[in-house]
Each structure stands twice: as C-alpha cells, then as structure tokens.
Amino acid sequence: MSNDVRSKVRDAAIALFAQKGVKATTIKDIARAAGVSEGALYRHWASKDDLAAALFAAEYTALSDSLRAAAGSGPAPERLRRVIAWAFGLVEAAPDRARFLLLSQHDALPLVPDGLETPVDVVCAIVGDGIAEGSIVDADREALAHTVIGAIVLNVQSHVYGRQTAPLGTLAGTVADALLRGLSTGKGA
C-alpha cells in the first residue's frame, strides 16, 4: 500500500471513527471513503479494531513530537501555557483527529505499545523540569501533570459534546492562568 493510499485510509478511518464511532464504522465504510477495496484493508489490518488501535497508537504518540515542539524552551510554566494553547488549537484545526483520540482512548490507550513516548510523558517531563527549576511546586510530578492533562481533556470533551460552545482558542489563556496559579511557585514564570 503506497503512502498516498495509506494516508487516504488513515484520513477516512479517522473521520468515520470520529463521526460514527469505531463500533458503528465498518471496513466497507472505510474502504468506500478511502477509494480502496476491502481486501486491501484486510491485507494490512486483520480487522477494523486492529486498524483503529494502530491509528490511535500512531496518532497519540505522534502528538508527543508536536507537543514538545509547541512547548518550546524556557520556564516550565510558560511551556505549559503553550502546551494548553497548542492542544486547544489542535481541536479547532483537526476536529476529527481530536474527536477520534478522545473517543477512542478508553479502549485503545491500553493497547499503545510500551516504550513509546506519549503526550503524558511530555507533560510529565515539563512538570519535572519546573519542579527542578523551582517554578512549579514540589509535589508529585505525575499528579501535577495529570492535573494539566485533565484540564485540557475535560475542556476538549465538553467542546466535542457541544457543552462548551466558546472557541477553545479563546479559553486557553483562562485555563492556563487558573492552572498555573495553583502549580507555580512564582519563580521563573
């Protein structure tokens, strides 16, 4: 399968999984939307669930590089502020991708192979840097990172389900300010 065809399959599957859910989407739906035969899909993935798991792992771990780049360098609180803005921007720029990742995480997250860097790892590292530099309170790094991630995910979830109607990009500063008031020591921000 060429990279172009693989991209078409990925895009079609993500859009359908985001719109209909993995359970309601069929291989036939994906093949039709991607313009390929069902057999071509089965030659590369044993089932629709295998395709969904592979797509989730690839998309989820690819977020790590993008997230790290968006965070940039500098004091950890400012890097976290950029992470929040980037994450909210992603939802607006690629809503199907964000919806697919959000709605698939419960089933697919446990299937992500060990050893792959995830967005959680990136946020944990930033928080750890902040603790080391004295800009973030000295507390459990993972608990603090999950607090940041939780604020992002719950706002995205509310947006995806139509409960949060304000554009997420307009809320990034407010969410970052609220989080950083609780996390920051006031140094390096």
N, C-alpha and C. Protein backbone atom coordinates (compact mmCIF):
# COMPACT_ATOMS: atom_id res chain seq x y z
N MET A 1 0.86 -1.16 0.00
CA MET A 1 0.00 0.00 0.00
C MET A 1 0.91 1.23 0.00
N SER A 2 0.73 2.10 -0.97
CA SER A 2 1.57 3.29 -1.07
C SER A 2 1.27 4.25 0.08
N ASN A 3 2.19 5.17 0.32
CA ASN A 3 1.98 6.16 1.39
C ASN A 3 0.75 7.01 1.13
N ASP A 4 0.49 7.31 -0.15
CA ASP A 4 -0.69 8.12 -0.51
C ASP A 4 -1.98 7.37 -0.16
N VAL A 5 -2.02 6.09 -0.51
CA VAL A 5 -3.21 5.28 -0.21
C VAL A 5 -3.33 5.09 1.30
N ARG A 6 -2.21 4.85 1.97
CA ARG A 6 -2.23 4.69 3.42
C ARG A 6 -2.77 5.97 4.08
N SER A 7 -2.37 7.12 3.57
CA SER A 7 -2.87 8.40 4.10
C SER A 7 -4.37 8.54 3.88
N LYS A 8 -4.85 8.12 2.71
CA LYS A 8 -6.29 8.18 2.44
C LYS A 8 -7.06 7.27 3.39
N VAL A 9 -6.53 6.08 3.62
CA VAL A 9 -7.18 5.15 4.55
C VAL A 9 -7.19 5.74 5.95
N ARG A 10 -6.04 6.28 6.39
CA ARG A 10 -5.96 6.89 7.72
C ARG A 10 -6.98 8.01 7.86
N ASP A 11 -6.99 8.93 6.90
CA ASP A 11 -7.91 10.06 6.97
C ASP A 11 -9.36 9.63 6.95
N ALA A 12 -9.68 8.67 6.08
CA ALA A 12 -11.07 8.19 6.00
C ALA A 12 -11.48 7.50 7.30
N ALA A 13 -10.60 6.64 7.81
CA ALA A 13 -10.93 5.91 9.04
C ALA A 13 -11.08 6.86 10.22
N ILE A 14 -10.17 7.81 10.36
CA ILE A 14 -10.27 8.75 11.47
C ILE A 14 -11.55 9.56 11.39
N ALA A 15 -11.89 10.02 10.19
CA ALA A 15 -13.13 10.81 10.04
C ALA A 15 -14.35 9.96 10.39
N LEU A 16 -14.39 8.73 9.90
CA LEU A 16 -15.53 7.87 10.19
C LEU A 16 -15.59 7.48 11.66
N PHE A 17 -14.44 7.13 12.25
CA PHE A 17 -14.42 6.79 13.66
C PHE A 17 -14.86 7.97 14.51
N ALA A 18 -14.47 9.17 14.11
CA ALA A 18 -14.85 10.37 14.85
C ALA A 18 -16.34 10.65 14.73
N GLN A 19 -16.89 10.43 13.54
CA GLN A 19 -18.30 10.73 13.30
C GLN A 19 -19.25 9.65 13.82
N LYS A 20 -18.89 8.38 13.57
CA LYS A 20 -19.80 7.27 13.88
C LYS A 20 -19.36 6.43 15.08
N GLY A 21 -18.11 6.55 15.44
CA GLY A 21 -17.55 5.67 16.46
C GLY A 21 -16.95 4.44 15.81
N VAL A 22 -16.02 3.82 16.50
CA VAL A 22 -15.36 2.63 15.95
C VAL A 22 -16.36 1.49 15.78
N LYS A 23 -17.22 1.29 16.77
CA LYS A 23 -18.16 0.17 16.71
C LYS A 23 -19.12 0.26 15.54
N ALA A 24 -19.59 1.46 15.22
CA ALA A 24 -20.58 1.62 14.16
C ALA A 24 -19.97 1.72 12.77
N THR A 25 -18.68 1.90 12.69
CA THR A 25 -18.00 2.00 11.40
C THR A 25 -17.62 0.61 10.92
N THR A 26 -17.77 0.36 9.61
CA THR A 26 -17.41 -0.93 9.05
C THR A 26 -16.18 -0.79 8.15
N ILE A 27 -15.54 -1.91 7.88
CA ILE A 27 -14.42 -1.92 6.93
C ILE A 27 -14.93 -1.44 5.57
N LYS A 28 -16.14 -1.84 5.23
CA LYS A 28 -16.73 -1.41 3.95
C LYS A 28 -16.85 0.11 3.90
N ASP A 29 -17.27 0.73 5.01
CA ASP A 29 -17.36 2.19 5.07
C ASP A 29 -16.00 2.83 4.82
N ILE A 30 -14.99 2.30 5.48
CA ILE A 30 -13.63 2.87 5.37
C ILE A 30 -13.11 2.69 3.95
N ALA A 31 -13.27 1.48 3.39
CA ALA A 31 -12.79 1.22 2.04
C ALA A 31 -13.46 2.15 1.03
N ARG A 32 -14.77 2.31 1.16
CA ARG A 32 -15.51 3.18 0.25
C ARG A 32 -15.02 4.62 0.36
N ALA A 33 -14.89 5.11 1.58
CA ALA A 33 -14.45 6.50 1.78
C ALA A 33 -13.02 6.74 1.31
N ALA A 34 -12.17 5.71 1.42
CA ALA A 34 -10.77 5.85 1.02
C ALA A 34 -10.55 5.53 -0.46
N GLY A 35 -11.56 4.93 -1.10
CA GLY A 35 -11.42 4.57 -2.50
C GLY A 35 -10.53 3.36 -2.73
N VAL A 36 -10.57 2.42 -1.79
CA VAL A 36 -9.79 1.19 -1.92
C VAL A 36 -10.71 0.00 -1.72
N SER A 37 -10.21 -1.19 -2.02
CA SER A 37 -11.01 -2.39 -1.83
C SER A 37 -10.95 -2.82 -0.37
N GLU A 38 -11.98 -3.55 0.05
CA GLU A 38 -11.98 -4.10 1.40
C GLU A 38 -10.78 -5.05 1.57
N GLY A 39 -10.50 -5.81 0.53
CA GLY A 39 -9.37 -6.74 0.57
C GLY A 39 -8.05 -6.05 0.84
N ALA A 40 -7.88 -4.85 0.27
CA ALA A 40 -6.64 -4.10 0.50
C ALA A 40 -6.50 -3.76 1.98
N LEU A 41 -7.59 -3.42 2.62
CA LEU A 41 -7.54 -3.12 4.05
C LEU A 41 -7.21 -4.37 4.85
N TYR A 42 -7.84 -5.48 4.50
CA TYR A 42 -7.60 -6.72 5.24
C TYR A 42 -6.18 -7.26 5.03
N ARG A 43 -5.53 -6.88 3.93
CA ARG A 43 -4.15 -7.30 3.74
C ARG A 43 -3.20 -6.59 4.71
N HIS A 44 -3.63 -5.45 5.23
CA HIS A 44 -2.76 -4.67 6.12
C HIS A 44 -3.21 -4.69 7.57
N TRP A 45 -4.50 -4.91 7.80
CA TRP A 45 -5.03 -4.96 9.16
C TRP A 45 -5.99 -6.14 9.25
N ALA A 46 -5.88 -6.92 10.31
CA ALA A 46 -6.71 -8.12 10.46
C ALA A 46 -8.18 -7.77 10.66
N SER A 47 -8.44 -6.59 11.22
CA SER A 47 -9.82 -6.20 11.49
C SER A 47 -9.91 -4.68 11.62
N LYS A 48 -11.12 -4.22 11.68
CA LYS A 48 -11.37 -2.79 11.90
C LYS A 48 -10.80 -2.37 13.25
N ASP A 49 -10.94 -3.22 14.25
CA ASP A 49 -10.41 -2.89 15.57
C ASP A 49 -8.89 -2.80 15.56
N ASP A 50 -8.23 -3.66 14.79
CA ASP A 50 -6.77 -3.56 14.65
C ASP A 50 -6.38 -2.26 13.98
N LEU A 51 -7.13 -1.87 12.95
CA LEU A 51 -6.87 -0.60 12.28
C LEU A 51 -7.06 0.56 13.25
N ALA A 52 -8.15 0.54 14.01
CA ALA A 52 -8.41 1.61 14.97
C ALA A 52 -7.31 1.69 16.02
N ALA A 53 -6.87 0.55 16.53
CA ALA A 53 -5.81 0.53 17.55
C ALA A 53 -4.49 1.05 16.97
N ALA A 54 -4.18 0.63 15.75
CA ALA A 54 -2.93 1.09 15.11
C ALA A 54 -2.98 2.59 14.85
N LEU A 55 -4.12 3.07 14.38
CA LEU A 55 -4.26 4.51 14.13
C LEU A 55 -4.16 5.30 15.44
N PHE A 56 -4.81 4.80 16.47
CA PHE A 56 -4.76 5.50 17.75
C PHE A 56 -3.32 5.59 18.24
N ALA A 57 -2.61 4.47 18.25
CA ALA A 57 -1.22 4.46 18.73
C ALA A 57 -0.35 5.41 17.92
N ALA A 58 -0.51 5.39 16.61
CA ALA A 58 0.30 6.27 15.75
C ALA A 58 -0.04 7.74 15.99
N GLU A 59 -1.31 8.06 16.04
CA GLU A 59 -1.73 9.45 16.22
C GLU A 59 -1.38 9.95 17.62
N TYR A 60 -1.60 9.12 18.61
CA TYR A 60 -1.37 9.50 20.00
C TYR A 60 0.12 9.75 20.26
N THR A 61 0.95 8.84 19.79
CA THR A 61 2.38 9.02 20.02
C THR A 61 2.96 10.12 19.14
N ALA A 62 2.39 10.35 17.97
CA ALA A 62 2.85 11.46 17.12
C ALA A 62 2.58 12.81 17.78
N LEU A 63 1.58 12.87 18.63
CA LEU A 63 1.30 14.11 19.35
C LEU A 63 2.48 14.53 20.22
N SER A 64 3.26 13.57 20.66
CA SER A 64 4.39 13.87 21.55
C SER A 64 5.37 14.83 20.90
N ASP A 65 5.77 14.53 19.67
CA ASP A 65 6.72 15.41 18.98
C ASP A 65 6.13 16.80 18.78
N SER A 66 4.88 16.85 18.35
CA SER A 66 4.22 18.13 18.13
C SER A 66 4.07 18.91 19.43
N LEU A 67 3.73 18.21 20.48
CA LEU A 67 3.55 18.85 21.79
C LEU A 67 4.88 19.40 22.31
N ARG A 68 5.94 18.62 22.17
CA ARG A 68 7.26 19.07 22.62
C ARG A 68 7.69 20.31 21.82
N ALA A 69 7.46 20.27 20.52
CA ALA A 69 7.81 21.43 19.68
C ALA A 69 6.99 22.65 20.07
N ALA A 70 5.70 22.45 20.32
CA ALA A 70 4.84 23.57 20.72
C ALA A 70 5.27 24.15 22.06
N ALA A 71 5.70 23.29 22.97
CA ALA A 71 6.12 23.76 24.30
C ALA A 71 7.36 24.63 24.19
N GLY A 72 8.24 24.29 23.27
CA GLY A 72 9.46 25.08 23.11
C GLY A 72 10.36 25.00 24.33
N SER A 73 11.08 26.09 24.55
CA SER A 73 12.01 26.13 25.68
C SER A 73 11.62 27.29 26.59
N GLY A 74 12.32 27.35 27.70
CA GLY A 74 12.05 28.41 28.67
C GLY A 74 11.50 27.85 29.96
N PRO A 75 11.03 28.72 30.82
CA PRO A 75 10.49 28.27 32.11
C PRO A 75 9.28 27.34 31.90
N ALA A 76 9.20 26.35 32.75
CA ALA A 76 8.14 25.35 32.63
C ALA A 76 6.73 25.95 32.61
N PRO A 77 6.41 26.93 33.45
CA PRO A 77 5.04 27.47 33.38
C PRO A 77 4.69 28.04 32.00
N GLU A 78 5.63 28.69 31.36
CA GLU A 78 5.37 29.22 30.02
C GLU A 78 5.25 28.11 29.00
N ARG A 79 6.03 27.05 29.17
CA ARG A 79 5.92 25.89 28.28
C ARG A 79 4.56 25.23 28.44
N LEU A 80 4.08 25.12 29.69
CA LEU A 80 2.74 24.55 29.91
C LEU A 80 1.66 25.43 29.30
N ARG A 81 1.83 26.72 29.40
CA ARG A 81 0.87 27.66 28.79
C ARG A 81 0.80 27.41 27.27
N ARG A 82 1.96 27.22 26.64
CA ARG A 82 1.99 26.96 25.20
C ARG A 82 1.39 25.59 24.87
N VAL A 83 1.59 24.60 25.74
CA VAL A 83 1.00 23.27 25.55
C VAL A 83 -0.52 23.37 25.53
N ILE A 84 -1.07 24.09 26.47
CA ILE A 84 -2.53 24.24 26.54
C ILE A 84 -3.06 24.93 25.29
N ALA A 85 -2.42 26.01 24.91
CA ALA A 85 -2.85 26.74 23.70
C ALA A 85 -2.75 25.85 22.47
N TRP A 86 -1.66 25.09 22.37
CA TRP A 86 -1.48 24.21 21.21
C TRP A 86 -2.57 23.13 21.19
N ALA A 87 -2.82 22.51 22.33
CA ALA A 87 -3.82 21.44 22.39
C ALA A 87 -5.20 21.95 22.00
N PHE A 88 -5.57 23.11 22.51
CA PHE A 88 -6.88 23.67 22.16
C PHE A 88 -6.92 24.04 20.68
N GLY A 89 -5.81 24.53 20.16
CA GLY A 89 -5.73 24.86 18.73
C GLY A 89 -5.86 23.62 17.86
N LEU A 90 -5.30 22.50 18.31
CA LEU A 90 -5.39 21.26 17.55
C LEU A 90 -6.85 20.84 17.39
N VAL A 91 -7.62 20.98 18.43
CA VAL A 91 -9.03 20.59 18.38
C VAL A 91 -9.76 21.41 17.31
N GLU A 92 -9.43 22.68 17.23
CA GLU A 92 -10.08 23.52 16.24
C GLU A 92 -9.54 23.28 14.83
N ALA A 93 -8.25 22.96 14.71
CA ALA A 93 -7.63 22.75 13.39
C ALA A 93 -7.91 21.35 12.84
N ALA A 94 -7.99 20.37 13.70
CA ALA A 94 -8.19 18.97 13.27
C ALA A 94 -9.24 18.31 14.15
N PRO A 95 -10.50 18.75 14.03
CA PRO A 95 -11.53 18.25 14.94
C PRO A 95 -11.76 16.74 14.86
N ASP A 96 -11.67 16.15 13.66
CA ASP A 96 -11.87 14.70 13.57
C ASP A 96 -10.77 13.95 14.31
N ARG A 97 -9.55 14.41 14.15
CA ARG A 97 -8.42 13.76 14.83
C ARG A 97 -8.60 13.85 16.35
N ALA A 98 -8.94 15.04 16.83
CA ALA A 98 -9.13 15.24 18.27
C ALA A 98 -10.29 14.39 18.79
N ARG A 99 -11.37 14.38 18.06
CA ARG A 99 -12.54 13.60 18.48
C ARG A 99 -12.23 12.10 18.49
N PHE A 100 -11.53 11.63 17.45
CA PHE A 100 -11.13 10.22 17.39
C PHE A 100 -10.27 9.85 18.59
N LEU A 101 -9.26 10.67 18.88
CA LEU A 101 -8.38 10.38 20.01
C LEU A 101 -9.15 10.39 21.33
N LEU A 102 -10.02 11.36 21.49
CA LEU A 102 -10.79 11.46 22.72
C LEU A 102 -11.74 10.28 22.89
N LEU A 103 -12.48 9.96 21.84
CA LEU A 103 -13.50 8.93 21.95
C LEU A 103 -12.92 7.51 21.94
N SER A 104 -11.72 7.35 21.44
CA SER A 104 -11.11 6.01 21.35
C SER A 104 -10.19 5.68 22.51
N GLN A 105 -9.86 6.67 23.30
CA GLN A 105 -8.81 6.46 24.30
C GLN A 105 -9.14 5.36 25.31
N HIS A 106 -10.38 5.23 25.70
CA HIS A 106 -10.72 4.23 26.72
C HIS A 106 -10.34 2.82 26.26
N ASP A 107 -10.69 2.49 25.03
CA ASP A 107 -10.39 1.15 24.51
C ASP A 107 -8.97 1.03 23.98
N ALA A 108 -8.46 2.09 23.36
CA ALA A 108 -7.19 1.98 22.64
C ALA A 108 -5.95 2.33 23.46
N LEU A 109 -6.07 3.16 24.46
CA LEU A 109 -4.89 3.58 25.23
C LEU A 109 -4.14 2.40 25.84
N PRO A 110 -4.84 1.40 26.38
CA PRO A 110 -4.09 0.26 26.92
C PRO A 110 -3.33 -0.54 25.86
N LEU A 111 -3.66 -0.33 24.58
CA LEU A 111 -3.01 -1.08 23.50
C LEU A 111 -1.78 -0.37 22.95
N VAL A 112 -1.50 0.85 23.41
CA VAL A 112 -0.31 1.57 22.94
C VAL A 112 0.90 0.81 23.46
N PRO A 113 1.80 0.42 22.56
CA PRO A 113 2.97 -0.36 22.98
C PRO A 113 3.82 0.37 24.03
N ASP A 114 4.30 -0.39 24.99
CA ASP A 114 5.20 0.17 26.00
C ASP A 114 6.46 0.70 25.31
N GLY A 115 7.01 1.72 25.91
CA GLY A 115 8.26 2.28 25.40
C GLY A 115 8.09 3.42 24.42
N LEU A 116 6.88 3.66 23.95
CA LEU A 116 6.64 4.80 23.05
C LEU A 116 6.35 6.02 23.89
N GLU A 117 6.96 7.13 23.54
CA GLU A 117 6.70 8.37 24.27
C GLU A 117 5.29 8.85 23.96
N THR A 118 4.58 9.26 24.99
CA THR A 118 3.22 9.74 24.84
C THR A 118 3.14 11.21 25.25
N PRO A 119 2.03 11.87 24.93
CA PRO A 119 1.85 13.25 25.39
C PRO A 119 1.93 13.37 26.92
N VAL A 120 1.49 12.34 27.63
CA VAL A 120 1.58 12.36 29.09
C VAL A 120 3.04 12.44 29.51
N ASP A 121 3.90 11.69 28.84
CA ASP A 121 5.34 11.72 29.14
C ASP A 121 5.90 13.12 28.93
N VAL A 122 5.48 13.78 27.86
CA VAL A 122 5.98 15.13 27.55
C VAL A 122 5.56 16.10 28.65
N VAL A 123 4.30 16.07 29.05
CA VAL A 123 3.83 16.97 30.10
C VAL A 123 4.51 16.65 31.43
N CYS A 124 4.68 15.35 31.73
CA CYS A 124 5.39 14.97 32.96
C CYS A 124 6.81 15.53 32.96
N ALA A 125 7.48 15.48 31.83
CA ALA A 125 8.84 16.00 31.74
C ALA A 125 8.87 17.50 31.98
N ILE A 126 7.92 18.22 31.41
CA ILE A 126 7.87 19.68 31.61
C ILE A 126 7.62 19.99 33.08
N VAL A 127 6.69 19.29 33.68
CA VAL A 127 6.40 19.50 35.11
C VAL A 127 7.65 19.17 35.93
N GLY A 128 8.31 18.07 35.60
CA GLY A 128 9.54 17.71 36.30
C GLY A 128 10.61 18.79 36.17
N ASP A 129 10.72 19.36 34.97
CA ASP A 129 11.67 20.47 34.77
C ASP A 129 11.30 21.66 35.66
N GLY A 130 10.00 21.92 35.74
CA GLY A 130 9.54 23.04 36.56
C GLY A 130 9.82 22.83 38.04
N ILE A 131 9.65 21.61 38.50
CA ILE A 131 9.97 21.31 39.89
C ILE A 131 11.47 21.51 40.12
N ALA A 132 12.28 21.00 39.19
CA ALA A 132 13.74 21.13 39.32
C ALA A 132 14.20 22.59 39.28
N GLU A 133 13.55 23.41 38.44
CA GLU A 133 13.96 24.82 38.34
C GLU A 133 13.33 25.68 39.43
N GLY A 134 12.41 25.11 40.19
CA GLY A 134 11.77 25.84 41.28
C GLY A 134 10.60 26.70 40.85
N SER A 135 10.13 26.53 39.61
CA SER A 135 9.00 27.34 39.14
C SER A 135 7.65 26.66 39.36
N ILE A 136 7.67 25.37 39.62
CA ILE A 136 6.45 24.60 39.88
C ILE A 136 6.60 23.97 41.26
N VAL A 137 5.50 23.96 42.00
CA VAL A 137 5.52 23.45 43.37
C VAL A 137 6.13 22.06 43.41
N ASP A 138 6.84 21.78 44.47
CA ASP A 138 7.49 20.49 44.64
C ASP A 138 6.47 19.50 45.18
N ALA A 139 5.87 18.78 44.25
CA ALA A 139 4.84 17.79 44.59
C ALA A 139 4.99 16.63 43.61
N ASP A 140 4.12 15.67 43.71
CA ASP A 140 4.19 14.50 42.82
C ASP A 140 4.07 14.95 41.37
N ARG A 141 5.11 14.70 40.61
CA ARG A 141 5.20 15.14 39.21
C ARG A 141 4.05 14.59 38.37
N GLU A 142 3.77 13.31 38.51
CA GLU A 142 2.71 12.72 37.70
C GLU A 142 1.34 13.26 38.07
N ALA A 143 1.08 13.47 39.35
CA ALA A 143 -0.21 14.02 39.76
C ALA A 143 -0.40 15.42 39.19
N LEU A 144 0.66 16.22 39.22
CA LEU A 144 0.56 17.57 38.67
C LEU A 144 0.37 17.53 37.15
N ALA A 145 1.10 16.63 36.49
CA ALA A 145 0.95 16.50 35.03
C ALA A 145 -0.47 16.06 34.68
N HIS A 146 -1.02 15.14 35.46
CA HIS A 146 -2.39 14.69 35.19
C HIS A 146 -3.41 15.80 35.45
N THR A 147 -3.10 16.71 36.35
CA THR A 147 -3.97 17.86 36.57
C THR A 147 -4.01 18.73 35.31
N VAL A 148 -2.84 18.97 34.72
CA VAL A 148 -2.77 19.75 33.48
C VAL A 148 -3.52 19.03 32.37
N ILE A 149 -3.23 17.76 32.19
CA ILE A 149 -3.86 16.98 31.13
C ILE A 149 -5.38 16.90 31.34
N GLY A 150 -5.78 16.73 32.58
CA GLY A 150 -7.21 16.66 32.87
C GLY A 150 -7.93 17.94 32.49
N ALA A 151 -7.31 19.08 32.77
CA ALA A 151 -7.94 20.36 32.40
C ALA A 151 -8.07 20.47 30.89
N ILE A 152 -7.07 20.00 30.17
CA ILE A 152 -7.13 20.03 28.71
C ILE A 152 -8.22 19.09 28.21
N VAL A 153 -8.16 17.85 28.66
CA VAL A 153 -9.08 16.82 28.15
C VAL A 153 -10.53 17.13 28.49
N LEU A 154 -10.80 17.59 29.70
CA LEU A 154 -12.19 17.89 30.05
C LEU A 154 -12.75 19.06 29.25
N ASN A 155 -11.93 20.05 28.97
CA ASN A 155 -12.39 21.14 28.12
C ASN A 155 -12.62 20.68 26.69
N VAL A 156 -11.73 19.83 26.19
CA VAL A 156 -11.91 19.27 24.84
C VAL A 156 -13.16 18.41 24.80
N GLN A 157 -13.35 17.59 25.80
CA GLN A 157 -14.53 16.74 25.86
C GLN A 157 -15.80 17.58 25.86
N SER A 158 -15.84 18.62 26.66
CA SER A 158 -17.02 19.49 26.70
C SER A 158 -17.26 20.14 25.34
N HIS A 159 -16.18 20.49 24.67
CA HIS A 159 -16.29 21.09 23.34
C HIS A 159 -16.83 20.05 22.33
N VAL A 160 -16.27 18.84 22.34
CA VAL A 160 -16.68 17.79 21.41
C VAL A 160 -18.15 17.46 21.59
N TYR A 161 -18.63 17.44 22.83
CA TYR A 161 -20.03 17.10 23.09
C TYR A 161 -20.96 18.30 23.02
N GLY A 162 -20.43 19.47 22.65
CA GLY A 162 -21.26 20.64 22.45
C GLY A 162 -21.64 21.38 23.72
N ARG A 163 -21.07 21.01 24.83
CA ARG A 163 -21.39 21.71 26.09
C ARG A 163 -20.58 22.99 26.23
N GLN A 164 -19.40 22.99 25.68
CA GLN A 164 -18.55 24.19 25.68
C GLN A 164 -18.64 24.79 24.28
N THR A 165 -19.34 25.90 24.17
CA THR A 165 -19.58 26.47 22.85
C THR A 165 -18.61 27.58 22.48
N ALA A 166 -17.90 28.11 23.45
CA ALA A 166 -16.90 29.12 23.13
C ALA A 166 -15.74 28.45 22.40
N PRO A 167 -15.16 29.13 21.42
CA PRO A 167 -13.99 28.55 20.75
C PRO A 167 -12.89 28.27 21.79
N LEU A 168 -12.32 27.06 21.73
CA LEU A 168 -11.33 26.68 22.72
C LEU A 168 -10.13 27.63 22.72
N GLY A 169 -9.78 28.13 21.55
CA GLY A 169 -8.65 29.05 21.48
C GLY A 169 -8.83 30.28 22.35
N THR A 170 -10.07 30.69 22.55
CA THR A 170 -10.33 31.86 23.39
C THR A 170 -10.26 31.53 24.88
N LEU A 171 -10.26 30.24 25.20
CA LEU A 171 -10.24 29.80 26.60
C LEU A 171 -8.86 29.39 27.08
N ALA A 172 -7.91 29.23 26.17
CA ALA A 172 -6.59 28.71 26.52
C ALA A 172 -5.93 29.56 27.61
N GLY A 173 -5.97 30.86 27.47
CA GLY A 173 -5.34 31.72 28.46
C GLY A 173 -6.00 31.61 29.82
N THR A 174 -7.31 31.54 29.85
CA THR A 174 -8.04 31.43 31.11
C THR A 174 -7.71 30.12 31.82
N VAL A 175 -7.72 29.03 31.05
CA VAL A 175 -7.41 27.72 31.64
C VAL A 175 -5.96 27.70 32.13
N ALA A 176 -5.05 28.21 31.31
CA ALA A 176 -3.64 28.24 31.71
C ALA A 176 -3.44 29.09 32.96
N ASP A 177 -4.07 30.26 33.00
CA ASP A 177 -3.95 31.11 34.19
C ASP A 177 -4.41 30.39 35.44
N ALA A 178 -5.56 29.73 35.37
CA ALA A 178 -6.12 29.03 36.53
C ALA A 178 -5.19 27.91 36.98
N LEU A 179 -4.71 27.13 36.04
CA LEU A 179 -3.81 26.03 36.38
C LEU A 179 -2.50 26.54 36.97
N LEU A 180 -1.93 27.51 36.31
CA LEU A 180 -0.61 27.98 36.72
C LEU A 180 -0.64 28.70 38.07
N ARG A 181 -1.77 29.28 38.41
CA ARG A 181 -1.89 29.89 39.76
C ARG A 181 -1.71 28.80 40.83
N GLY A 182 -2.21 27.62 40.54
CA GLY A 182 -2.10 26.53 41.50
C GLY A 182 -0.77 25.78 41.44
N LEU A 183 -0.14 25.78 40.29
CA LEU A 183 1.10 25.00 40.12
C LEU A 183 2.38 25.80 40.34
N SER A 184 2.33 27.07 40.05
CA SER A 184 3.54 27.87 40.04
C SER A 184 3.97 28.31 41.44
N THR A 185 5.27 28.41 41.60
CA THR A 185 5.83 28.95 42.85
C THR A 185 6.00 30.46 42.71
N GLY A 186 5.83 30.96 41.48
CA GLY A 186 6.04 32.39 41.24
C GLY A 186 7.44 32.68 40.73
N LYS A 187 8.30 31.68 40.68
CA LYS A 187 9.65 31.85 40.18
C LYS A 187 9.71 31.36 38.75
N GLY A 188 10.35 32.09 37.88
CA GLY A 188 10.59 31.64 36.52
C GLY A 188 9.41 31.71 35.59
N ALA A 189 8.31 32.30 36.01
CA ALA A 189 7.12 32.38 35.13
C ALA A 189 7.10 33.69 34.40
